[in-house]
Amino acid sequence: MEKHECWGCEKTAMLERGDIAPERIIYNSEHTFAFDAPWEYSQERVSVQTKKHIPTIHDLTPEDNKIVLDLMEAIKAASQFLIDKKGGCEVLMNQGKFQNTKHIHIHICYGVYET
């Protein structure tokens, strides 16, 4: 198994190897994907991320416009998944000192707990 320094790049590699169970994949396209990803801070979470390593939204360039549009489609699919399942969701994205993983990813959550 390849070792990646970046959590997001490792998840992309896992997806490409088929190491994420198909039933956990909510959305998958050329540029982005969303998968059911349990998280200690919420009852349910879908993680949405870019396949290309882009550390933050501040690193996006005009050449990434297709990725941004696709990212919105992935967010729509992930949020609809939780709306259908639970009736609602929160769309969260950490930046700056709150962003532990330096790879664009969005948390689509139901039942977020305060820390």
PDB file of N, CA and C in Angstrom:
ATOM      1  N   MET A   1       0.842  -1.182   0.000  1.00  0.00           N
ATOM      2  CA  MET A   1       0.000   0.000   0.000  1.00  0.00           C
ATOM      3  C   MET A   1       0.890   1.249   0.000  1.00  0.00           C
ATOM      4  N   GLU A   2       0.558   2.202  -0.848  1.00  0.00           N
ATOM      5  CA  GLU A   2       1.291   3.454  -0.884  1.00  0.00           C
ATOM      6  C   GLU A   2       1.012   4.241   0.394  1.00  0.00           C
ATOM      7  N   LYS A   3       2.018   4.958   0.862  1.00  0.00           N
ATOM      8  CA  LYS A   3       1.826   5.828   2.014  1.00  0.00           C
ATOM      9  C   LYS A   3       1.762   7.258   1.513  1.00  0.00           C
ATOM     10  N   HIS A   4       0.731   7.973   1.945  1.00  0.00           N
ATOM     11  CA  HIS A   4       0.554   9.367   1.558  1.00  0.00           C
ATOM     12  C   HIS A   4       0.668  10.243   2.798  1.00  0.00           C
ATOM     13  N   GLU A   5       1.296  11.381   2.639  1.00  0.00           N
ATOM     14  CA  GLU A   5       1.413  12.337   3.732  1.00  0.00           C
ATOM     15  C   GLU A   5       0.084  13.046   3.984  1.00  0.00           C
ATOM     16  N   CYS A   6      -0.750  13.121   2.979  1.00  0.00           N
ATOM     17  CA  CYS A   6      -2.000  13.871   3.039  1.00  0.00           C
ATOM     18  C   CYS A   6      -3.186  12.919   3.182  1.00  0.00           C
ATOM     19  N   TRP A   7      -4.022  13.177   4.168  1.00  0.00           N
ATOM     20  CA  TRP A   7      -5.217  12.361   4.394  1.00  0.00           C
ATOM     21  C   TRP A   7      -6.089  12.351   3.136  1.00  0.00           C
ATOM     22  N   GLY A   8      -6.302  13.508   2.528  1.00  0.00           N
ATOM     23  CA  GLY A   8      -7.153  13.590   1.338  1.00  0.00           C
ATOM     24  C   GLY A   8      -6.581  12.817   0.162  1.00  0.00           C
ATOM     25  N   CYS A   9      -5.270  12.895  -0.042  1.00  0.00           N
ATOM     26  CA  CYS A   9      -4.646  12.141  -1.128  1.00  0.00           C
ATOM     27  C   CYS A   9      -4.718  10.644  -0.855  1.00  0.00           C
ATOM     28  N   GLU A  10      -4.598  10.256   0.411  1.00  0.00           N
ATOM     29  CA  GLU A  10      -4.729   8.839   0.759  1.00  0.00           C
ATOM     30  C   GLU A  10      -6.142   8.352   0.465  1.00  0.00           C
ATOM     31  N   LYS A  11      -7.162   9.155   0.778  1.00  0.00           N
ATOM     32  CA  LYS A  11      -8.544   8.756   0.489  1.00  0.00           C
ATOM     33  C   LYS A  11      -8.766   8.642  -1.018  1.00  0.00           C
ATOM     34  N   THR A  12      -8.175   9.544  -1.791  1.00  0.00           N
ATOM     35  CA  THR A  12      -8.280   9.452  -3.252  1.00  0.00           C
ATOM     36  C   THR A  12      -7.631   8.157  -3.744  1.00  0.00           C
ATOM     37  N   ALA A  13      -6.458   7.832  -3.223  1.00  0.00           N
ATOM     38  CA  ALA A  13      -5.772   6.595  -3.610  1.00  0.00           C
ATOM     39  C   ALA A  13      -6.611   5.377  -3.215  1.00  0.00           C
ATOM     40  N   MET A  14      -7.220   5.414  -2.035  1.00  0.00           N
ATOM     41  CA  MET A  14      -8.076   4.307  -1.596  1.00  0.00           C
ATOM     42  C   MET A  14      -9.252   4.134  -2.549  1.00  0.00           C
ATOM     43  N   LEU A  15      -9.866   5.253  -2.957  1.00  0.00           N
ATOM     44  CA  LEU A  15     -10.984   5.199  -3.901  1.00  0.00           C
ATOM     45  C   LEU A  15     -10.537   4.557  -5.207  1.00  0.00           C
ATOM     46  N   GLU A  16      -9.404   5.012  -5.730  1.00  0.00           N
ATOM     47  CA  GLU A  16      -8.907   4.507  -7.005  1.00  0.00           C
ATOM     48  C   GLU A  16      -8.521   3.031  -6.937  1.00  0.00           C
ATOM     49  N   ARG A  17      -8.077   2.559  -5.778  1.00  0.00           N
ATOM     50  CA  ARG A  17      -7.732   1.141  -5.599  1.00  0.00           C
ATOM     51  C   ARG A  17      -8.957   0.271  -5.333  1.00  0.00           C
ATOM     52  N   GLY A  18     -10.094   0.908  -5.055  1.00  0.00           N
ATOM     53  CA  GLY A  18     -11.299   0.155  -4.713  1.00  0.00           C
ATOM     54  C   GLY A  18     -11.361  -0.226  -3.250  1.00  0.00           C
ATOM     55  N   ASP A  19     -10.597   0.478  -2.405  1.00  0.00           N
ATOM     56  CA  ASP A  19     -10.564   0.183  -0.976  1.00  0.00           C
ATOM     57  C   ASP A  19     -11.675   0.862  -0.175  1.00  0.00           C
ATOM     58  N   ILE A  20     -12.496   1.652  -0.824  1.00  0.00           N
ATOM     59  CA  ILE A  20     -13.683   2.214  -0.168  1.00  0.00           C
ATOM     60  C   ILE A  20     -14.862   1.425  -0.694  1.00  0.00           C
ATOM     61  N   ALA A  21     -15.619   0.825   0.213  1.00  0.00           N
ATOM     62  CA  ALA A  21     -16.747  -0.017  -0.189  1.00  0.00           C
ATOM     63  C   ALA A  21     -17.707   0.776  -1.070  1.00  0.00           C
ATOM     64  N   PRO A  22     -18.154   0.184  -2.178  1.00  0.00           N
ATOM     65  CA  PRO A  22     -19.045   0.894  -3.112  1.00  0.00           C
ATOM     66  C   PRO A  22     -20.292   1.482  -2.442  1.00  0.00           C
ATOM     67  N   GLU A  23     -20.830   0.810  -1.446  1.00  0.00           N
ATOM     68  CA  GLU A  23     -22.042   1.324  -0.787  1.00  0.00           C
ATOM     69  C   GLU A  23     -21.762   2.579   0.046  1.00  0.00           C
ATOM     70  N   ARG A  24     -20.500   2.870   0.321  1.00  0.00           N
ATOM     71  CA  ARG A  24     -20.139   4.084   1.060  1.00  0.00           C
ATOM     72  C   ARG A  24     -19.933   5.281   0.137  1.00  0.00           C
ATOM     73  N   ILE A  25     -19.827   5.042  -1.168  1.00  0.00           N
ATOM     74  CA  ILE A  25     -19.568   6.128  -2.118  1.00  0.00           C
ATOM     75  C   ILE A  25     -20.894   6.771  -2.518  1.00  0.00           C
ATOM     76  N   ILE A  26     -21.018   8.042  -2.248  1.00  0.00           N
ATOM     77  CA  ILE A  26     -22.244   8.804  -2.533  1.00  0.00           C
ATOM     78  C   ILE A  26     -22.147   9.473  -3.902  1.00  0.00           C
ATOM     79  N   TYR A  27     -20.956   9.901  -4.274  1.00  0.00           N
ATOM     80  CA  TYR A  27     -20.729  10.632  -5.530  1.00  0.00           C
ATOM     81  C   TYR A  27     -19.292  10.358  -5.961  1.00  0.00           C
ATOM     82  N   ASN A  28     -19.102  10.171  -7.265  1.00  0.00           N
ATOM     83  CA  ASN A  28     -17.758   9.951  -7.783  1.00  0.00           C
ATOM     84  C   ASN A  28     -17.703  10.444  -9.215  1.00  0.00           C
ATOM     85  N   SER A  29     -16.794  11.376  -9.476  1.00  0.00           N
ATOM     86  CA  SER A  29     -16.640  11.922 -10.826  1.00  0.00           C
ATOM     87  C   SER A  29     -15.155  12.093 -11.125  1.00  0.00           C
ATOM     88  N   GLU A  30     -14.868  12.728 -12.210  1.00  0.00           N
ATOM     89  CA  GLU A  30     -13.477  12.939 -12.620  1.00  0.00           C
ATOM     90  C   GLU A  30     -12.694  13.767 -11.595  1.00  0.00           C
ATOM     91  N   HIS A  31     -13.354  14.754 -10.978  1.00  0.00           N
ATOM     92  CA  HIS A  31     -12.648  15.721 -10.136  1.00  0.00           C
ATOM     93  C   HIS A  31     -12.889  15.590  -8.634  1.00  0.00           C
ATOM     94  N   THR A  32     -14.009  15.020  -8.244  1.00  0.00           N
ATOM     95  CA  THR A  32     -14.371  14.993  -6.827  1.00  0.00           C
ATOM     96  C   THR A  32     -15.057  13.678  -6.472  1.00  0.00           C
ATOM     97  N   PHE A  33     -15.185  13.454  -5.177  1.00  0.00           N
ATOM     98  CA  PHE A  33     -15.983  12.327  -4.704  1.00  0.00           C
ATOM     99  C   PHE A  33     -16.491  12.614  -3.305  1.00  0.00           C
ATOM    100  N   ALA A  34     -17.511  11.869  -2.932  1.00  0.00           N
ATOM    101  CA  ALA A  34     -18.122  11.984  -1.605  1.00  0.00           C
ATOM    102  C   ALA A  34     -18.357  10.575  -1.091  1.00  0.00           C
ATOM    103  N   PHE A  35     -18.041  10.369   0.187  1.00  0.00           N
ATOM    104  CA  PHE A  35     -18.231   9.040   0.756  1.00  0.00           C
ATOM    105  C   PHE A  35     -18.666   9.150   2.209  1.00  0.00           C
ATOM    106  N   ASP A  36     -19.410   8.160   2.646  1.00  0.00           N
ATOM    107  CA  ASP A  36     -19.856   8.053   4.028  1.00  0.00           C
ATOM    108  C   ASP A  36     -18.615   7.873   4.893  1.00  0.00           C
ATOM    109  N   ALA A  37     -18.377   8.803   5.805  1.00  0.00           N
ATOM    110  CA  ALA A  37     -17.140   8.792   6.588  1.00  0.00           C
ATOM    111  C   ALA A  37     -17.456   9.140   8.041  1.00  0.00           C
ATOM    112  N   PRO A  38     -17.615   8.148   8.902  1.00  0.00           N
ATOM    113  CA  PRO A  38     -17.907   8.434  10.310  1.00  0.00           C
ATOM    114  C   PRO A  38     -16.894   9.420  10.898  1.00  0.00           C
ATOM    115  N   TRP A  39     -17.389  10.235  11.821  1.00  0.00           N
ATOM    116  CA  TRP A  39     -16.586  11.314  12.400  1.00  0.00           C
ATOM    117  C   TRP A  39     -17.000  11.470  13.840  1.00  0.00           C
ATOM    118  N   GLU A  40     -16.065  11.666  14.721  1.00  0.00           N
ATOM    119  CA  GLU A  40     -16.368  11.731  16.148  1.00  0.00           C
ATOM    120  C   GLU A  40     -17.222  12.934  16.542  1.00  0.00           C
ATOM    121  N   TYR A  41     -17.312  13.948  15.703  1.00  0.00           N
ATOM    122  CA  TYR A  41     -18.043  15.170  16.049  1.00  0.00           C
ATOM    123  C   TYR A  41     -19.474  15.222  15.533  1.00  0.00           C
ATOM    124  N   SER A  42     -19.933  14.178  14.865  1.00  0.00           N
ATOM    125  CA  SER A  42     -21.308  14.184  14.366  1.00  0.00           C
ATOM    126  C   SER A  42     -21.868  12.774  14.366  1.00  0.00           C
ATOM    127  N   GLN A  43     -23.195  12.703  14.347  1.00  0.00           N
ATOM    128  CA  GLN A  43     -23.846  11.397  14.306  1.00  0.00           C
ATOM    129  C   GLN A  43     -23.621  10.718  12.958  1.00  0.00           C
ATOM    130  N   GLU A  44     -23.679  11.504  11.896  1.00  0.00           N
ATOM    131  CA  GLU A  44     -23.420  10.986  10.542  1.00  0.00           C
ATOM    132  C   GLU A  44     -22.685  12.050   9.757  1.00  0.00           C
ATOM    133  N   ARG A  45     -21.780  11.589   8.875  1.00  0.00           N
ATOM    134  CA  ARG A  45     -21.038  12.538   8.052  1.00  0.00           C
ATOM    135  C   ARG A  45     -20.736  11.922   6.696  1.00  0.00           C
ATOM    136  N   VAL A  46     -20.819  12.770   5.680  1.00  0.00           N
ATOM    137  CA  VAL A  46     -20.309  12.445   4.355  1.00  0.00           C
ATOM    138  C   VAL A  46     -19.161  13.418   4.119  1.00  0.00           C
ATOM    139  N   SER A  47     -18.019  12.892   3.697  1.00  0.00           N
ATOM    140  CA  SER A  47     -16.870  13.729   3.371  1.00  0.00           C
ATOM    141  C   SER A  47     -16.852  13.937   1.864  1.00  0.00           C
ATOM    142  N   VAL A  48     -16.738  15.185   1.447  1.00  0.00           N
ATOM    143  CA  VAL A  48     -16.663  15.550   0.033  1.00  0.00           C
ATOM    144  C   VAL A  48     -15.281  16.145  -0.191  1.00  0.00           C
ATOM    145  N   GLN A  49     -14.589  15.692  -1.230  1.00  0.00           N
ATOM    146  CA  GLN A  49     -13.255  16.229  -1.453  1.00  0.00           C
ATOM    147  C   GLN A  49     -12.876  16.231  -2.921  1.00  0.00           C
ATOM    148  N   THR A  50     -11.856  17.034  -3.204  1.00  0.00           N
ATOM    149  CA  THR A  50     -11.282  17.049  -4.542  1.00  0.00           C
ATOM    150  C   THR A  50     -10.345  15.851  -4.684  1.00  0.00           C
ATOM    151  N   LYS A  51     -10.201  15.360  -5.909  1.00  0.00           N
ATOM    152  CA  LYS A  51      -9.220  14.303  -6.171  1.00  0.00           C
ATOM    153  C   LYS A  51      -7.829  14.916  -6.321  1.00  0.00           C
ATOM    154  N   LYS A  52      -7.766  16.068  -6.949  1.00  0.00           N
ATOM    155  CA  LYS A  52      -6.502  16.785  -7.091  1.00  0.00           C
ATOM    156  C   LYS A  52      -6.115  17.361  -5.727  1.00  0.00           C
ATOM    157  N   HIS A  53      -4.838  17.301  -5.398  1.00  0.00           N
ATOM    158  CA  HIS A  53      -4.381  17.896  -4.142  1.00  0.00           C
ATOM    159  C   HIS A  53      -4.381  19.417  -4.282  1.00  0.00           C
ATOM    160  N   ILE A  54      -5.315  20.037  -3.585  1.00  0.00           N
ATOM    161  CA  ILE A  54      -5.390  21.494  -3.481  1.00  0.00           C
ATOM    162  C   ILE A  54      -5.535  21.760  -1.986  1.00  0.00           C
ATOM    163  N   PRO A  55      -4.573  22.398  -1.348  1.00  0.00           N
ATOM    164  CA  PRO A  55      -4.603  22.532   0.107  1.00  0.00           C
ATOM    165  C   PRO A  55      -5.827  23.269   0.666  1.00  0.00           C
ATOM    166  N   THR A  56      -6.170  24.422   0.124  1.00  0.00           N
ATOM    167  CA  THR A  56      -7.291  25.208   0.659  1.00  0.00           C
ATOM    168  C   THR A  56      -8.040  25.876  -0.495  1.00  0.00           C
ATOM    169  N   ILE A  57      -9.190  26.435  -0.177  1.00  0.00           N
ATOM    170  CA  ILE A  57      -9.932  27.164  -1.208  1.00  0.00           C
ATOM    171  C   ILE A  57      -9.150  28.375  -1.704  1.00  0.00           C
ATOM    172  N   HIS A  58      -8.229  28.868  -0.892  1.00  0.00           N
ATOM    173  CA  HIS A  58      -7.413  30.021  -1.276  1.00  0.00           C
ATOM    174  C   HIS A  58      -6.354  29.651  -2.306  1.00  0.00           C
ATOM    175  N   ASP A  59      -6.143  28.356  -2.512  1.00  0.00           N
ATOM    176  CA  ASP A  59      -5.181  27.882  -3.499  1.00  0.00           C
ATOM    177  C   ASP A  59      -5.820  27.571  -4.850  1.00  0.00           C
ATOM    178  N   LEU A  60      -7.129  27.720  -4.954  1.00  0.00           N
ATOM    179  CA  LEU A  60      -7.812  27.482  -6.223  1.00  0.00           C
ATOM    180  C   LEU A  60      -7.415  28.549  -7.238  1.00  0.00           C
ATOM    181  N   THR A  61      -7.286  28.139  -8.486  1.00  0.00           N
ATOM    182  CA  THR A  61      -6.944  29.064  -9.562  1.00  0.00           C
ATOM    183  C   THR A  61      -8.058  29.021 -10.611  1.00  0.00           C
ATOM    184  N   PRO A  62      -8.070  29.955 -11.552  1.00  0.00           N
ATOM    185  CA  PRO A  62      -9.071  29.898 -12.619  1.00  0.00           C
ATOM    186  C   PRO A  62      -9.034  28.576 -13.391  1.00  0.00           C
ATOM    187  N   GLU A  63      -7.878  27.934 -13.462  1.00  0.00           N
ATOM    188  CA  GLU A  63      -7.787  26.637 -14.140  1.00  0.00           C
ATOM    189  C   GLU A  63      -8.560  25.545 -13.392  1.00  0.00           C
ATOM    190  N   ASP A  64      -8.896  25.788 -12.144  1.00  0.00           N
ATOM    191  CA  ASP A  64      -9.631  24.819 -11.324  1.00  0.00           C
ATOM    192  C   ASP A  64     -11.149  25.012 -11.375  1.00  0.00           C
ATOM    193  N   ASN A  65     -11.636  25.861 -12.267  1.00  0.00           N
ATOM    194  CA  ASN A  65     -13.079  26.139 -12.310  1.00  0.00           C
ATOM    195  C   ASN A  65     -13.929  24.886 -12.503  1.00  0.00           C
ATOM    196  N   LYS A  66     -13.476  23.943 -13.327  1.00  0.00           N
ATOM    197  CA  LYS A  66     -14.228  22.700 -13.517  1.00  0.00           C
ATOM    198  C   LYS A  66     -14.295  21.909 -12.210  1.00  0.00           C
ATOM    199  N   ILE A  67     -13.216  21.941 -11.460  1.00  0.00           N
ATOM    200  CA  ILE A  67     -13.203  21.254 -10.167  1.00  0.00           C
ATOM    201  C   ILE A  67     -14.194  21.906  -9.211  1.00  0.00           C
ATOM    202  N   VAL A  68     -14.211  23.229  -9.185  1.00  0.00           N
ATOM    203  CA  VAL A  68     -15.122  23.950  -8.289  1.00  0.00           C
ATOM    204  C   VAL A  68     -16.579  23.623  -8.630  1.00  0.00           C
ATOM    205  N   LEU A  69     -16.917  23.641  -9.911  1.00  0.00           N
ATOM    206  CA  LEU A  69     -18.291  23.314 -10.311  1.00  0.00           C
ATOM    207  C   LEU A  69     -18.640  21.879  -9.937  1.00  0.00           C
ATOM    208  N   ASP A  70     -17.712  20.974 -10.138  1.00  0.00           N
ATOM    209  CA  ASP A  70     -17.948  19.582  -9.785  1.00  0.00           C
ATOM    210  C   ASP A  70     -18.031  19.407  -8.277  1.00  0.00           C
ATOM    211  N   LEU A  71     -17.238  20.164  -7.535  1.00  0.00           N
ATOM    212  CA  LEU A  71     -17.295  20.116  -6.079  1.00  0.00           C
ATOM    213  C   LEU A  71     -18.695  20.494  -5.588  1.00  0.00           C
ATOM    214  N   MET A  72     -19.299  21.491  -6.223  1.00  0.00           N
ATOM    215  CA  MET A  72     -20.663  21.881  -5.851  1.00  0.00           C
ATOM    216  C   MET A  72     -21.652  20.763  -6.150  1.00  0.00           C
ATOM    217  N   GLU A  73     -21.463  20.053  -7.248  1.00  0.00           N
ATOM    218  CA  GLU A  73     -22.340  18.907  -7.555  1.00  0.00           C
ATOM    219  C   GLU A  73     -22.189  17.813  -6.493  1.00  0.00           C
ATOM    220  N   ALA A  74     -20.960  17.572  -6.066  1.00  0.00           N
ATOM    221  CA  ALA A  74     -20.720  16.576  -5.027  1.00  0.00           C
ATOM    222  C   ALA A  74     -21.357  16.996  -3.709  1.00  0.00           C
ATOM    223  N   ILE A  75     -21.256  18.286  -3.369  1.00  0.00           N
ATOM    224  CA  ILE A  75     -21.878  18.800  -2.145  1.00  0.00           C
ATOM    225  C   ILE A  75     -23.389  18.650  -2.231  1.00  0.00           C
ATOM    226  N   LYS A  76     -23.964  18.963  -3.389  1.00  0.00           N
ATOM    227  CA  LYS A  76     -25.415  18.794  -3.567  1.00  0.00           C
ATOM    228  C   LYS A  76     -25.822  17.341  -3.371  1.00  0.00           C
ATOM    229  N   ALA A  77     -25.089  16.423  -3.967  1.00  0.00           N
ATOM    230  CA  ALA A  77     -25.423  14.991  -3.851  1.00  0.00           C
ATOM    231  C   ALA A  77     -25.295  14.518  -2.410  1.00  0.00           C
ATOM    232  N   ALA A  78     -24.226  14.923  -1.740  1.00  0.00           N
ATOM    233  CA  ALA A  78     -24.001  14.501  -0.354  1.00  0.00           C
ATOM    234  C   ALA A  78     -25.049  15.078   0.584  1.00  0.00           C
ATOM    235  N   SER A  79     -25.379  16.349   0.395  1.00  0.00           N
ATOM    236  CA  SER A  79     -26.386  16.948   1.264  1.00  0.00           C
ATOM    237  C   SER A  79     -27.759  16.342   0.993  1.00  0.00           C
ATOM    238  N   GLN A  80     -28.069  16.061  -0.256  1.00  0.00           N
ATOM    239  CA  GLN A  80     -29.353  15.418  -0.565  1.00  0.00           C
ATOM    240  C   GLN A  80     -29.425  14.029   0.065  1.00  0.00           C
ATOM    241  N   PHE A  81     -28.310  13.316   0.075  1.00  0.00           N
ATOM    242  CA  PHE A  81     -28.237  12.000   0.704  1.00  0.00           C
ATOM    243  C   PHE A  81     -28.657  12.083   2.176  1.00  0.00           C
ATOM    244  N   LEU A  82     -28.107  13.061   2.911  1.00  0.00           N
ATOM    245  CA  LEU A  82     -28.464  13.187   4.330  1.00  0.00           C
ATOM    246  C   LEU A  82     -29.839  13.798   4.535  1.00  0.00           C
ATOM    247  N   ILE A  83     -30.261  14.679   3.652  1.00  0.00           N
ATOM    248  CA  ILE A  83     -31.624  15.213   3.742  1.00  0.00           C
ATOM    249  C   ILE A  83     -32.625  14.081   3.559  1.00  0.00           C
ATOM    250  N   ASP A  84     -32.398  13.231   2.570  1.00  0.00           N
ATOM    251  CA  ASP A  84     -33.294  12.085   2.343  1.00  0.00           C
ATOM    252  C   ASP A  84     -33.275  11.117   3.526  1.00  0.00           C
ATOM    253  N   LYS A  85     -32.121  10.928   4.113  1.00  0.00           N
ATOM    254  CA  LYS A  85     -31.956   9.954   5.193  1.00  0.00           C
ATOM    255  C   LYS A  85     -32.403  10.498   6.556  1.00  0.00           C
ATOM    256  N   LYS A  86     -32.068  11.774   6.841  1.00  0.00           N
ATOM    257  CA  LYS A  86     -32.278  12.324   8.180  1.00  0.00           C
ATOM    258  C   LYS A  86     -33.155  13.574   8.221  1.00  0.00           C
ATOM    259  N   GLY A  87     -33.450  14.154   7.065  1.00  0.00           N
ATOM    260  CA  GLY A  87     -34.287  15.342   7.035  1.00  0.00           C
ATOM    261  C   GLY A  87     -33.533  16.656   6.975  1.00  0.00           C
ATOM    262  N   GLY A  88     -32.221  16.624   7.149  1.00  0.00           N
ATOM    263  CA  GLY A  88     -31.435  17.851   7.101  1.00  0.00           C
ATOM    264  C   GLY A  88     -29.964  17.558   7.275  1.00  0.00           C
ATOM    265  N   CYS A  89     -29.147  18.616   7.147  1.00  0.00           N
ATOM    266  CA  CYS A  89     -27.702  18.452   7.317  1.00  0.00           C
ATOM    267  C   CYS A  89     -27.055  19.819   7.478  1.00  0.00           C
ATOM    268  N   GLU A  90     -25.796  19.796   7.840  1.00  0.00           N
ATOM    269  CA  GLU A  90     -24.967  20.995   7.878  1.00  0.00           C
ATOM    270  C   GLU A  90     -23.830  20.800   6.882  1.00  0.00           C
ATOM    271  N   VAL A  91     -23.426  21.886   6.227  1.00  0.00           N
ATOM    272  CA  VAL A  91     -22.310  21.857   5.290  1.00  0.00           C
ATOM    273  C   VAL A  91     -21.193  22.673   5.939  1.00  0.00           C
ATOM    274  N   LEU A  92     -20.075  22.003   6.250  1.00  0.00           N
ATOM    275  CA  LEU A  92     -18.997  22.629   7.016  1.00  0.00           C
ATOM    276  C   LEU A  92     -17.675  22.530   6.276  1.00  0.00           C
ATOM    277  N   MET A  93     -16.899  23.610   6.341  1.00  0.00           N
ATOM    278  CA  MET A  93     -15.557  23.593   5.756  1.00  0.00           C
ATOM    279  C   MET A  93     -14.633  24.383   6.668  1.00  0.00           C
ATOM    280  N   ASN A  94     -13.584  23.752   7.140  1.00  0.00           N
ATOM    281  CA  ASN A  94     -12.624  24.416   8.010  1.00  0.00           C
ATOM    282  C   ASN A  94     -11.534  25.072   7.182  1.00  0.00           C
ATOM    283  N   GLN A  95     -11.048  26.195   7.672  1.00  0.00           N
ATOM    284  CA  GLN A  95      -9.955  26.913   7.023  1.00  0.00           C
ATOM    285  C   GLN A  95      -8.993  27.415   8.092  1.00  0.00           C
ATOM    286  N   GLY A  96      -7.809  27.813   7.670  1.00  0.00           N
ATOM    287  CA  GLY A  96      -6.825  28.369   8.595  1.00  0.00           C
ATOM    288  C   GLY A  96      -6.448  27.384   9.682  1.00  0.00           C
ATOM    289  N   LYS A  97      -6.350  27.871  10.923  1.00  0.00           N
ATOM    290  CA  LYS A  97      -5.903  27.013  12.028  1.00  0.00           C
ATOM    291  C   LYS A  97      -6.885  25.889  12.341  1.00  0.00           C
ATOM    292  N   PHE A  98      -8.110  25.955  11.827  1.00  0.00           N
ATOM    293  CA  PHE A  98      -9.098  24.903  12.055  1.00  0.00           C
ATOM    294  C   PHE A  98      -9.007  23.782  11.023  1.00  0.00           C
ATOM    295  N   GLN A  99      -8.212  23.964   9.988  1.00  0.00           N
ATOM    296  CA  GLN A  99      -8.095  22.965   8.923  1.00  0.00           C
ATOM    297  C   GLN A  99      -6.920  22.038   9.221  1.00  0.00           C
ATOM    298  N   ASN A 100      -7.209  20.900   9.842  1.00  0.00           N
ATOM    299  CA  ASN A 100      -6.157  19.935  10.177  1.00  0.00           C
ATOM    300  C   ASN A 100      -5.627  19.223   8.945  1.00  0.00           C
ATOM    301  N   THR A 101      -6.481  18.944   7.985  1.00  0.00           N
ATOM    302  CA  THR A 101      -6.091  18.279   6.749  1.00  0.00           C
ATOM    303  C   THR A 101      -5.971  19.322   5.654  1.00  0.00           C
ATOM    304  N   LYS A 102      -4.776  19.502   5.150  1.00  0.00           N
ATOM    305  CA  LYS A 102      -4.529  20.518   4.115  1.00  0.00           C
ATOM    306  C   LYS A 102      -4.828  19.940   2.735  1.00  0.00           C
ATOM    307  N   HIS A 103      -6.091  19.632   2.511  1.00  0.00           N
ATOM    308  CA  HIS A 103      -6.607  19.122   1.241  1.00  0.00           C
ATOM    309  C   HIS A 103      -8.082  19.509   1.243  1.00  0.00           C
ATOM    310  N   ILE A 104      -8.538  20.198   0.219  1.00  0.00           N
ATOM    311  CA  ILE A 104      -9.922  20.672   0.216  1.00  0.00           C
ATOM    312  C   ILE A 104     -10.879  19.519   0.489  1.00  0.00           C
ATOM    313  N   HIS A 105     -11.661  19.688   1.542  1.00  0.00           N
ATOM    314  CA  HIS A 105     -12.703  18.719   1.871  1.00  0.00           C
ATOM    315  C   HIS A 105     -13.808  19.442   2.641  1.00  0.00           C
ATOM    316  N   ILE A 106     -14.998  18.945   2.461  1.00  0.00           N
ATOM    317  CA  ILE A 106     -16.183  19.536   3.082  1.00  0.00           C
ATOM    318  C   ILE A 106     -16.875  18.444   3.877  1.00  0.00           C
ATOM    319  N   HIS A 107     -17.311  18.801   5.087  1.00  0.00           N
ATOM    320  CA  HIS A 107     -18.056  17.869   5.933  1.00  0.00           C
ATOM    321  C   HIS A 107     -19.552  18.138   5.726  1.00  0.00           C
ATOM    322  N   ILE A 108     -20.295  17.134   5.330  1.00  0.00           N
ATOM    323  CA  ILE A 108     -21.751  17.224   5.248  1.00  0.00           C
ATOM    324  C   ILE A 108     -22.241  16.367   6.416  1.00  0.00           C
ATOM    325  N   CYS A 109     -22.791  17.018   7.429  1.00  0.00           N
ATOM    326  CA  CYS A 109     -23.049  16.334   8.698  1.00  0.00           C
ATOM    327  C   CYS A 109     -24.501  16.428   9.144  1.00  0.00           C
ATOM    328  N   TYR A 110     -24.870  15.430   9.922  1.00  0.00           N
ATOM    329  CA  TYR A 110     -26.126  15.431  10.653  1.00  0.00           C
ATOM    330  C   TYR A 110     -25.766  15.232  12.111  1.00  0.00           C
ATOM    331  N   GLY A 111     -26.283  16.101  12.982  1.00  0.00           N
ATOM    332  CA  GLY A 111     -26.052  15.961  14.413  1.00  0.00           C
ATOM    333  C   GLY A 111     -24.651  16.345  14.833  1.00  0.00           C
ATOM    334  N   VAL A 112     -24.221  17.570  14.508  1.00  0.00           N
ATOM    335  CA  VAL A 112     -22.888  18.019  14.891  1.00  0.00           C
ATOM    336  C   VAL A 112     -22.876  18.350  16.383  1.00  0.00           C
ATOM    337  N   TYR A 113     -21.859  17.840  17.053  1.00  0.00           N
ATOM    338  CA  TYR A 113     -21.708  18.086  18.488  1.00  0.00           C
ATOM    339  C   TYR A 113     -20.781  19.258  18.712  1.00  0.00           C
ATOM    340  N   GLU A 114     -21.015  20.002  19.789  1.00  0.00           N
ATOM    341  CA  GLU A 114     -20.099  21.078  20.150  1.00  0.00           C
ATOM    342  C   GLU A 114     -18.852  20.461  20.764  1.00  0.00           C
ATOM    343  N   THR A 115     -17.697  21.089  20.508  1.00  0.00           N
ATOM    344  CA  THR A 115     -16.443  20.580  21.081  1.00  0.00           C
ATOM    345  C   THR A 115     -15.954  21.479  22.176  1.00  0.00           C
TER     346      THR A 115
END
